[in-house]
N, C-alpha and C. Protein backbone atom coordinates (compact mmCIF):
# COMPACT_ATOMS: atom_id res chain seq x y z
N UNK A 1 102.23 104.25 85.99
CA UNK A 1 102.14 103.49 87.18
C UNK A 1 101.10 104.18 88.11
N UNK A 2 100.40 103.33 88.78
CA UNK A 2 99.35 103.86 89.69
C UNK A 2 98.93 102.84 90.74
N UNK A 3 97.81 103.21 91.39
CA UNK A 3 97.33 102.32 92.38
C UNK A 3 95.75 102.17 92.20
N UNK A 4 95.24 101.05 92.73
CA UNK A 4 93.77 100.84 92.73
C UNK A 4 93.15 101.61 93.86
N UNK A 5 92.08 102.41 93.58
CA UNK A 5 91.36 103.04 94.60
C UNK A 5 90.23 102.18 95.18
N UNK A 6 89.56 102.57 96.24
CA UNK A 6 88.55 101.72 96.85
C UNK A 6 87.35 101.42 95.86
N UNK A 7 87.12 102.28 94.91
CA UNK A 7 85.98 102.01 93.99
C UNK A 7 86.50 101.23 92.67
N UNK A 8 87.71 100.75 92.67
CA UNK A 8 88.17 99.89 91.59
C UNK A 8 88.79 100.74 90.47
N UNK A 9 88.95 102.03 90.60
CA UNK A 9 89.51 102.84 89.53
C UNK A 9 91.04 102.80 89.66
N UNK A 10 91.69 103.17 88.51
CA UNK A 10 93.15 103.27 88.43
C UNK A 10 93.58 104.68 88.61
N UNK A 11 94.22 105.01 89.70
CA UNK A 11 94.76 106.33 89.95
C UNK A 11 96.22 106.42 89.60
N UNK A 12 96.50 107.20 88.61
CA UNK A 12 97.87 107.28 88.11
C UNK A 12 98.67 108.19 88.99
N UNK A 13 99.86 107.69 89.34
CA UNK A 13 100.78 108.51 90.13
C UNK A 13 101.94 108.83 89.27
N UNK A 14 102.44 107.98 88.40
CA UNK A 14 103.57 108.30 87.50
C UNK A 14 103.05 108.11 86.10
N UNK A 15 102.84 109.21 85.36
CA UNK A 15 102.32 109.07 84.03
C UNK A 15 103.39 108.50 83.08
N UNK A 16 102.89 107.93 82.02
CA UNK A 16 103.74 107.42 80.92
C UNK A 16 104.66 108.45 80.40
N UNK A 17 105.78 108.00 79.89
CA UNK A 17 106.79 108.90 79.23
C UNK A 17 107.40 109.86 80.20
N UNK A 18 107.33 109.63 81.59
CA UNK A 18 108.00 110.43 82.49
C UNK A 18 109.49 110.12 82.49
N UNK A 19 110.39 111.09 82.28
CA UNK A 19 111.81 110.73 82.19
C UNK A 19 112.32 110.14 83.53
N UNK A 20 113.15 109.21 83.47
CA UNK A 20 113.78 108.52 84.61
C UNK A 20 115.13 109.17 84.87
N UNK A 21 115.55 109.22 86.14
CA UNK A 21 114.87 108.76 87.36
C UNK A 21 113.75 109.73 87.64
N UNK A 22 112.69 109.23 88.36
CA UNK A 22 111.52 110.02 88.62
C UNK A 22 111.08 109.76 90.04
N UNK A 23 110.30 110.74 90.61
CA UNK A 23 109.74 110.63 91.93
C UNK A 23 108.43 111.40 91.86
N UNK A 24 107.35 110.67 92.22
CA UNK A 24 105.98 111.26 92.19
C UNK A 24 105.26 110.72 93.33
N UNK A 25 104.33 111.52 93.90
CA UNK A 25 103.51 110.94 94.95
C UNK A 25 102.13 111.47 94.88
N UNK A 26 101.16 110.81 95.55
CA UNK A 26 99.85 111.22 95.59
C UNK A 26 99.25 111.00 97.03
N UNK A 27 98.35 111.79 97.45
CA UNK A 27 97.71 111.59 98.73
C UNK A 27 96.35 110.96 98.67
N UNK A 28 96.10 110.05 99.60
CA UNK A 28 94.79 109.23 99.59
C UNK A 28 94.33 109.22 101.04
N UNK A 29 93.13 108.65 101.27
CA UNK A 29 92.65 108.45 102.59
C UNK A 29 91.87 107.05 102.50
N UNK A 30 91.50 106.57 103.66
CA UNK A 30 90.85 105.37 103.69
C UNK A 30 89.31 105.65 103.53
N UNK A 31 88.53 104.68 103.11
CA UNK A 31 87.12 104.83 102.91
C UNK A 31 86.35 104.43 104.18
N UNK A 32 86.95 103.91 105.17
CA UNK A 32 86.34 103.57 106.43
C UNK A 32 87.18 104.18 107.60
N UNK A 33 86.62 105.17 108.29
CA UNK A 33 87.43 105.89 109.33
C UNK A 33 88.17 105.00 110.30
N UNK A 34 87.52 103.84 110.72
CA UNK A 34 88.16 103.02 111.74
C UNK A 34 89.10 102.00 111.18
N UNK A 35 89.40 102.06 109.90
CA UNK A 35 90.18 101.15 109.19
C UNK A 35 91.67 101.42 109.47
N UNK A 36 92.46 100.42 110.09
CA UNK A 36 93.82 100.68 110.36
C UNK A 36 94.77 99.94 109.49
N UNK A 37 94.19 99.28 108.45
CA UNK A 37 95.00 98.41 107.59
C UNK A 37 94.43 98.52 106.16
N UNK A 38 95.33 98.80 105.16
CA UNK A 38 94.92 98.82 103.82
C UNK A 38 95.73 97.94 102.94
N UNK A 39 95.26 97.56 101.77
CA UNK A 39 96.09 96.83 100.82
C UNK A 39 96.33 97.74 99.67
N UNK A 40 97.64 97.96 99.34
CA UNK A 40 98.07 98.82 98.23
C UNK A 40 98.38 97.97 97.00
N UNK A 41 97.62 98.11 95.94
CA UNK A 41 97.82 97.34 94.67
C UNK A 41 98.44 98.28 93.68
N UNK A 42 99.61 97.95 93.21
CA UNK A 42 100.29 98.86 92.23
C UNK A 42 100.09 98.24 90.79
N UNK A 43 99.60 99.07 89.90
CA UNK A 43 99.43 98.53 88.53
C UNK A 43 100.22 99.33 87.54
N UNK A 44 100.46 98.75 86.40
CA UNK A 44 101.10 99.45 85.25
C UNK A 44 100.16 99.25 84.06
N UNK A 45 99.81 100.39 83.39
CA UNK A 45 98.98 100.30 82.27
C UNK A 45 98.31 101.54 81.84
N UNK A 46 97.33 101.43 80.88
CA UNK A 46 96.70 102.55 80.34
C UNK A 46 95.24 102.63 80.55
N UNK A 47 94.66 101.59 81.09
CA UNK A 47 93.15 101.50 81.29
C UNK A 47 92.81 102.23 82.54
N UNK A 48 91.52 102.74 82.50
CA UNK A 48 91.00 103.50 83.64
C UNK A 48 90.54 102.65 84.83
N UNK A 49 90.27 101.33 84.49
CA UNK A 49 89.86 100.32 85.56
C UNK A 49 91.14 99.61 85.96
N UNK A 50 91.39 99.58 87.28
CA UNK A 50 92.69 99.12 87.79
C UNK A 50 92.96 97.64 87.32
N UNK A 51 91.92 96.75 87.51
CA UNK A 51 92.24 95.38 87.19
C UNK A 51 92.33 95.04 85.71
N UNK A 52 92.19 95.98 84.88
CA UNK A 52 92.40 95.84 83.40
C UNK A 52 93.80 96.10 83.09
N UNK A 53 94.60 96.50 84.01
CA UNK A 53 96.04 96.81 83.84
C UNK A 53 96.84 95.62 84.41
N UNK A 54 98.23 95.77 84.45
CA UNK A 54 99.00 94.69 84.85
C UNK A 54 99.34 94.93 86.35
N UNK A 55 99.00 93.99 87.25
CA UNK A 55 99.30 94.11 88.63
C UNK A 55 100.80 93.79 88.75
N UNK A 56 101.57 94.74 89.34
CA UNK A 56 102.99 94.49 89.52
C UNK A 56 103.40 94.39 90.93
N UNK A 57 102.48 94.67 91.81
CA UNK A 57 102.84 94.57 93.28
C UNK A 57 101.56 94.77 94.15
N UNK A 58 101.55 94.03 95.24
CA UNK A 58 100.42 94.14 96.19
C UNK A 58 100.99 93.90 97.58
N UNK A 59 100.71 94.83 98.44
CA UNK A 59 101.23 94.61 99.85
C UNK A 59 100.31 95.34 100.83
N UNK A 60 100.35 94.83 102.12
CA UNK A 60 99.51 95.49 103.16
C UNK A 60 100.29 96.63 103.82
N UNK A 61 99.51 97.60 104.23
CA UNK A 61 100.08 98.70 105.07
C UNK A 61 99.19 98.74 106.33
N UNK A 62 99.72 98.27 107.43
CA UNK A 62 98.92 98.12 108.65
C UNK A 62 99.33 99.23 109.73
N UNK A 63 99.73 100.29 109.23
CA UNK A 63 100.10 101.36 110.19
C UNK A 63 99.28 102.67 110.02
N UNK A 64 98.03 102.43 109.62
CA UNK A 64 97.15 103.59 109.39
C UNK A 64 96.63 104.17 110.71
N UNK A 65 96.75 105.47 110.91
CA UNK A 65 96.30 106.06 112.12
C UNK A 65 94.76 106.04 112.21
N UNK A 66 94.40 105.85 113.44
CA UNK A 66 92.89 105.83 113.73
C UNK A 66 92.49 107.25 114.23
N UNK A 67 91.22 107.51 114.11
CA UNK A 67 90.68 108.76 114.51
C UNK A 67 90.78 109.82 113.37
N UNK A 68 89.68 110.29 112.94
CA UNK A 68 89.67 111.34 111.90
C UNK A 68 90.02 110.61 110.52
N UNK A 69 90.21 111.46 109.61
CA UNK A 69 90.53 110.87 108.25
C UNK A 69 92.10 110.90 108.07
N UNK A 70 92.61 109.70 107.92
CA UNK A 70 94.06 109.61 107.79
C UNK A 70 94.43 110.09 106.38
N UNK A 71 95.63 110.54 106.30
CA UNK A 71 96.20 111.01 105.04
C UNK A 71 97.35 110.02 104.70
N UNK A 72 97.17 109.27 103.68
CA UNK A 72 98.19 108.25 103.23
C UNK A 72 98.86 108.79 101.99
N UNK A 73 100.14 108.94 102.07
CA UNK A 73 100.91 109.43 100.98
C UNK A 73 101.55 108.27 100.28
N UNK A 74 101.32 107.98 98.98
CA UNK A 74 101.98 106.94 98.23
C UNK A 74 102.93 107.53 97.24
N UNK A 75 104.20 107.18 97.39
CA UNK A 75 105.24 107.82 96.54
C UNK A 75 105.93 106.69 95.70
N UNK A 76 106.10 106.94 94.48
CA UNK A 76 106.82 106.02 93.57
C UNK A 76 108.19 106.71 93.24
N UNK A 77 109.29 106.03 93.54
CA UNK A 77 110.56 106.53 93.05
C UNK A 77 111.08 105.40 92.07
N UNK A 78 111.31 105.79 90.88
CA UNK A 78 111.79 104.82 89.82
C UNK A 78 113.19 105.31 89.32
N UNK A 79 114.15 104.37 89.42
CA UNK A 79 115.44 104.61 89.06
C UNK A 79 115.70 104.32 87.54
N UNK A 80 116.96 104.64 87.16
CA UNK A 80 117.23 104.37 85.73
C UNK A 80 117.17 102.96 85.22
N UNK A 81 117.27 102.01 86.20
CA UNK A 81 117.06 100.61 85.84
C UNK A 81 115.68 100.14 85.87
N UNK A 82 114.71 101.02 86.16
CA UNK A 82 113.35 100.67 86.22
C UNK A 82 112.87 100.08 87.48
N UNK A 83 113.72 100.09 88.49
CA UNK A 83 113.37 99.47 89.82
C UNK A 83 112.48 100.55 90.52
N UNK A 84 111.34 100.13 91.03
CA UNK A 84 110.44 100.99 91.63
C UNK A 84 110.44 100.76 93.22
N UNK A 85 110.61 101.96 93.88
CA UNK A 85 110.49 101.96 95.35
C UNK A 85 109.24 102.67 95.71
N UNK A 86 108.30 101.85 96.34
CA UNK A 86 106.99 102.34 96.70
C UNK A 86 107.13 102.71 98.25
N UNK A 87 106.90 103.94 98.55
CA UNK A 87 106.92 104.32 99.97
C UNK A 87 105.56 104.83 100.30
N UNK A 88 104.92 104.20 101.37
CA UNK A 88 103.66 104.49 101.85
C UNK A 88 103.86 105.14 103.22
N UNK A 89 103.25 106.38 103.43
CA UNK A 89 103.47 107.09 104.65
C UNK A 89 102.14 107.57 105.17
N UNK A 90 101.84 107.34 106.48
CA UNK A 90 100.66 107.94 107.20
C UNK A 90 101.20 109.29 107.57
N UNK A 91 100.65 110.37 107.02
CA UNK A 91 101.11 111.66 107.36
C UNK A 91 100.90 112.18 108.66
N UNK A 92 99.82 111.59 109.34
CA UNK A 92 99.49 111.94 110.76
C UNK A 92 100.54 111.41 111.80
N UNK A 93 100.94 110.13 111.55
CA UNK A 93 101.89 109.50 112.52
C UNK A 93 103.26 109.50 112.00
N UNK A 94 103.50 109.63 110.78
CA UNK A 94 104.88 109.47 110.19
C UNK A 94 105.29 108.01 109.98
N UNK A 95 104.34 107.12 110.33
CA UNK A 95 104.59 105.60 110.05
C UNK A 95 104.74 105.49 108.54
N UNK A 96 105.73 104.64 108.21
CA UNK A 96 105.91 104.41 106.70
C UNK A 96 106.29 102.95 106.45
N UNK A 97 106.26 102.55 105.16
CA UNK A 97 106.69 101.26 104.77
C UNK A 97 107.26 101.47 103.35
N UNK A 98 108.33 100.73 103.03
CA UNK A 98 108.98 100.90 101.77
C UNK A 98 109.11 99.52 101.17
N UNK A 99 108.82 99.46 99.84
CA UNK A 99 108.76 98.12 99.18
C UNK A 99 109.46 98.43 97.82
N UNK A 100 110.37 97.51 97.47
CA UNK A 100 111.01 97.53 96.11
C UNK A 100 110.30 96.63 95.20
N UNK A 101 110.03 97.05 93.98
CA UNK A 101 109.41 96.20 92.98
C UNK A 101 110.47 96.09 91.79
N UNK A 102 110.96 94.96 91.57
CA UNK A 102 112.03 94.82 90.65
C UNK A 102 111.65 94.11 89.33
N UNK A 103 110.76 93.16 89.50
CA UNK A 103 110.40 92.34 88.30
C UNK A 103 109.24 92.88 87.53
N UNK A 104 109.51 94.06 86.84
CA UNK A 104 108.48 94.69 86.11
C UNK A 104 108.53 94.21 84.73
N UNK A 105 107.36 93.75 84.13
CA UNK A 105 107.35 93.20 82.81
C UNK A 105 107.85 94.26 81.80
N UNK A 106 108.66 93.73 80.96
CA UNK A 106 109.17 94.63 79.74
C UNK A 106 108.51 94.20 78.49
N UNK A 107 108.07 95.18 77.72
CA UNK A 107 107.33 94.88 76.50
C UNK A 107 108.11 95.38 75.34
N UNK A 108 108.00 94.68 74.17
CA UNK A 108 108.64 95.26 72.94
C UNK A 108 107.64 96.25 72.40
N UNK A 109 108.10 96.92 71.44
CA UNK A 109 107.33 98.09 70.84
C UNK A 109 105.97 97.59 70.23
N UNK A 110 105.98 96.34 69.74
CA UNK A 110 104.74 95.80 69.11
C UNK A 110 103.65 95.60 70.24
N UNK A 111 104.11 94.97 71.27
CA UNK A 111 103.18 94.72 72.48
C UNK A 111 102.72 96.03 73.03
N UNK A 112 103.61 97.00 73.16
CA UNK A 112 103.17 98.33 73.65
C UNK A 112 102.18 98.98 72.84
N UNK A 113 102.36 98.94 71.56
CA UNK A 113 101.44 99.40 70.53
C UNK A 113 100.10 98.83 70.72
N UNK A 114 100.08 97.54 70.88
CA UNK A 114 98.77 96.74 71.14
C UNK A 114 98.12 97.18 72.36
N UNK A 115 98.90 97.41 73.50
CA UNK A 115 98.31 97.80 74.81
C UNK A 115 97.70 99.21 74.59
N UNK A 116 98.40 100.12 74.02
CA UNK A 116 97.88 101.45 73.77
C UNK A 116 96.61 101.45 72.95
N UNK A 117 96.62 100.62 71.90
CA UNK A 117 95.46 100.54 70.98
C UNK A 117 94.25 99.93 71.65
N UNK A 118 94.51 98.95 72.53
CA UNK A 118 93.44 98.29 73.37
C UNK A 118 92.88 99.31 74.29
N UNK A 119 93.71 100.14 74.89
CA UNK A 119 93.21 101.14 75.88
C UNK A 119 92.33 102.14 75.15
N UNK A 120 92.81 102.55 74.02
CA UNK A 120 92.07 103.57 73.19
C UNK A 120 90.80 102.97 72.71
N UNK A 121 90.71 101.75 72.26
CA UNK A 121 89.52 101.10 71.75
C UNK A 121 88.46 100.98 72.92
N UNK A 122 88.93 100.73 74.06
CA UNK A 122 88.05 100.45 75.25
C UNK A 122 87.80 101.66 76.06
N UNK A 123 88.22 102.77 75.59
CA UNK A 123 88.09 104.01 76.45
C UNK A 123 86.62 104.39 76.79
N UNK A 124 85.70 104.31 75.81
CA UNK A 124 84.28 104.59 76.20
C UNK A 124 83.67 103.61 77.08
N UNK A 125 83.95 102.31 76.82
CA UNK A 125 83.42 101.26 77.71
C UNK A 125 84.04 101.38 79.13
N UNK A 126 85.34 101.67 79.20
CA UNK A 126 85.97 101.86 80.49
C UNK A 126 85.34 103.07 81.26
N UNK A 127 85.13 104.12 80.50
CA UNK A 127 84.50 105.38 81.14
C UNK A 127 83.16 105.04 81.67
N UNK A 128 82.34 104.25 80.96
CA UNK A 128 80.99 103.91 81.47
C UNK A 128 81.19 103.00 82.66
N UNK A 129 82.07 102.06 82.62
CA UNK A 129 82.36 101.13 83.67
C UNK A 129 82.88 101.85 84.93
N UNK A 130 83.68 102.83 84.74
CA UNK A 130 84.15 103.63 85.84
C UNK A 130 83.13 104.37 86.54
N UNK A 131 82.20 105.00 85.80
CA UNK A 131 81.01 105.61 86.32
C UNK A 131 80.16 104.64 87.16
N UNK A 132 79.98 103.45 86.66
CA UNK A 132 79.20 102.42 87.40
C UNK A 132 79.97 102.03 88.66
N UNK A 133 81.20 101.86 88.66
CA UNK A 133 82.01 101.48 89.83
C UNK A 133 81.81 102.61 90.92
N UNK A 134 81.88 103.86 90.47
CA UNK A 134 81.75 105.03 91.39
C UNK A 134 80.35 105.08 91.99
N UNK A 135 79.39 104.86 91.17
CA UNK A 135 77.94 104.91 91.71
C UNK A 135 77.76 103.66 92.66
N UNK A 136 78.24 102.51 92.25
CA UNK A 136 78.06 101.48 93.21
C UNK A 136 78.76 101.72 94.53
N UNK A 137 79.96 102.20 94.50
CA UNK A 137 80.65 102.58 95.69
C UNK A 137 79.90 103.54 96.56
N UNK A 138 79.38 104.57 95.96
CA UNK A 138 78.64 105.63 96.73
C UNK A 138 77.42 104.91 97.38
N UNK A 139 76.65 104.07 96.55
CA UNK A 139 75.48 103.41 97.10
C UNK A 139 75.78 102.45 98.28
N UNK A 140 76.88 101.71 97.98
CA UNK A 140 77.21 100.76 99.12
C UNK A 140 77.68 101.43 100.36
N UNK A 141 78.29 102.63 100.24
CA UNK A 141 78.71 103.45 101.40
C UNK A 141 77.43 103.99 102.10
N UNK A 142 76.47 104.35 101.35
CA UNK A 142 75.19 104.90 101.92
C UNK A 142 74.53 103.70 102.61
N UNK A 143 74.54 102.53 101.96
CA UNK A 143 73.80 101.39 102.60
C UNK A 143 74.55 101.01 103.94
N UNK A 144 75.85 101.00 103.94
CA UNK A 144 76.61 100.77 105.09
C UNK A 144 76.22 101.74 106.26
N UNK A 145 76.21 102.97 105.93
CA UNK A 145 75.86 104.02 106.93
C UNK A 145 74.48 103.78 107.43
N UNK A 146 73.51 103.53 106.51
CA UNK A 146 72.15 103.28 106.92
C UNK A 146 72.00 102.13 107.86
N UNK A 147 72.75 101.05 107.56
CA UNK A 147 72.70 99.84 108.44
C UNK A 147 73.33 100.13 109.81
N UNK A 148 74.33 100.99 109.86
CA UNK A 148 74.95 101.30 111.16
C UNK A 148 73.96 102.22 112.02
N UNK A 149 73.31 103.15 111.25
CA UNK A 149 72.34 103.98 111.94
C UNK A 149 71.20 103.22 112.34
N UNK A 150 70.72 102.26 111.57
CA UNK A 150 69.56 101.42 111.96
C UNK A 150 69.90 100.55 113.12
N UNK A 151 71.06 100.05 113.27
CA UNK A 151 71.40 99.21 114.38
C UNK A 151 71.43 99.95 115.74
N UNK A 152 71.66 101.23 115.72
CA UNK A 152 71.73 102.02 116.88
C UNK A 152 70.37 102.82 117.18
N UNK A 153 69.49 102.69 116.34
CA UNK A 153 68.24 103.40 116.41
C UNK A 153 67.24 102.70 117.37
N UNK A 154 66.81 103.43 118.41
CA UNK A 154 65.87 102.84 119.38
C UNK A 154 64.41 103.12 119.13
N UNK A 155 64.14 103.96 118.09
CA UNK A 155 62.79 104.39 117.82
C UNK A 155 62.10 103.53 116.72
N UNK A 156 62.83 102.60 116.15
CA UNK A 156 62.25 101.72 115.06
C UNK A 156 62.13 100.36 115.68
N UNK A 157 60.95 99.76 115.43
CA UNK A 157 60.75 98.40 115.96
C UNK A 157 61.68 97.46 115.33
N UNK A 158 61.90 96.32 116.04
CA UNK A 158 62.84 95.25 115.45
C UNK A 158 62.22 94.72 114.20
N UNK A 159 60.93 94.59 114.08
CA UNK A 159 60.38 94.05 112.84
C UNK A 159 60.58 94.96 111.63
N UNK A 160 60.43 96.30 111.93
CA UNK A 160 60.69 97.28 110.83
C UNK A 160 62.15 97.28 110.48
N UNK A 161 63.04 97.16 111.49
CA UNK A 161 64.44 97.10 111.22
C UNK A 161 64.81 95.95 110.38
N UNK A 162 64.17 94.79 110.59
CA UNK A 162 64.49 93.61 109.77
C UNK A 162 64.07 93.82 108.34
N UNK A 163 62.80 94.42 108.14
CA UNK A 163 62.41 94.69 106.79
C UNK A 163 63.32 95.63 106.13
N UNK A 164 63.71 96.70 106.68
CA UNK A 164 64.71 97.68 106.14
C UNK A 164 66.04 96.99 105.85
N UNK A 165 66.56 96.28 106.77
CA UNK A 165 67.81 95.57 106.60
C UNK A 165 67.79 94.57 105.44
N UNK A 166 66.69 93.80 105.30
CA UNK A 166 66.49 92.87 104.20
C UNK A 166 66.48 93.60 102.88
N UNK A 167 65.71 94.73 102.84
CA UNK A 167 65.63 95.45 101.61
C UNK A 167 66.97 96.07 101.19
N UNK A 168 67.74 96.68 102.06
CA UNK A 168 69.02 97.12 101.80
C UNK A 168 70.02 96.10 101.39
N UNK A 169 69.94 94.91 102.07
CA UNK A 169 70.86 93.80 101.60
C UNK A 169 70.47 93.25 100.19
N UNK A 170 69.13 93.25 99.92
CA UNK A 170 68.68 92.90 98.60
C UNK A 170 69.22 93.78 97.53
N UNK A 171 69.14 95.12 97.74
CA UNK A 171 69.68 96.17 96.84
C UNK A 171 71.16 95.97 96.67
N UNK A 172 71.88 95.69 97.72
CA UNK A 172 73.37 95.54 97.69
C UNK A 172 73.72 94.30 96.83
N UNK A 173 72.92 93.27 96.97
CA UNK A 173 73.20 92.03 96.19
C UNK A 173 73.01 92.27 94.64
N UNK A 174 71.99 93.04 94.31
CA UNK A 174 71.55 93.18 92.91
C UNK A 174 72.35 94.24 92.17
N UNK A 175 72.90 95.19 92.92
CA UNK A 175 73.50 96.41 92.28
C UNK A 175 74.56 96.13 91.31
N UNK A 176 75.39 95.10 91.52
CA UNK A 176 76.47 94.84 90.55
C UNK A 176 75.99 94.46 89.16
N UNK A 177 74.80 93.90 89.08
CA UNK A 177 74.19 93.48 87.77
C UNK A 177 73.39 94.62 87.08
N UNK A 178 73.27 95.68 87.73
CA UNK A 178 72.45 96.81 87.15
C UNK A 178 73.37 97.60 86.22
N UNK A 179 72.66 98.27 85.27
CA UNK A 179 73.46 99.19 84.38
C UNK A 179 73.46 100.62 85.03
N UNK A 180 74.11 101.61 84.41
CA UNK A 180 74.30 102.96 84.97
C UNK A 180 72.88 103.64 85.13
N UNK A 181 71.95 103.42 84.26
CA UNK A 181 70.64 104.16 84.37
C UNK A 181 69.90 103.48 85.59
N UNK A 182 69.89 102.21 85.77
CA UNK A 182 69.26 101.58 86.76
C UNK A 182 69.88 102.00 88.12
């Protein structure tokens, strides 16, 4: 069990074969400092890319502290019946939200074997795609920062700003179609 990170990766919080009942947590932060709302997507699966796994819950957390880098603790408590209690806590303010996930898909051993085999077969492709997602995320963050800095810069002419803005937007549009080397 895990969550999707801002770059699309699957961050495992509760590894497979963990004896039940179990409680595990992981700390995260937002990717935009002024962001006071996040969406937590909970997945179950073996793949490194979040959306290649089974989405079992998705919910907003709108109690993120502003100012500085917030620390968001996401905790999974799983009981003997397989019911998952997801607790999201902003460590700075103590604000939290608790959600129960009850309708978790159950798989027979044949289906589980197929899921594991599929994850193993796609491991190299997933690894390459994860690298691409991380690179795209970093580049988009740098573009976003450049656009913010450009908008507040008084030393660059409006004509030059427009050219730079257009080029950055052009790069951002094309980046998803590029391969890792590009």
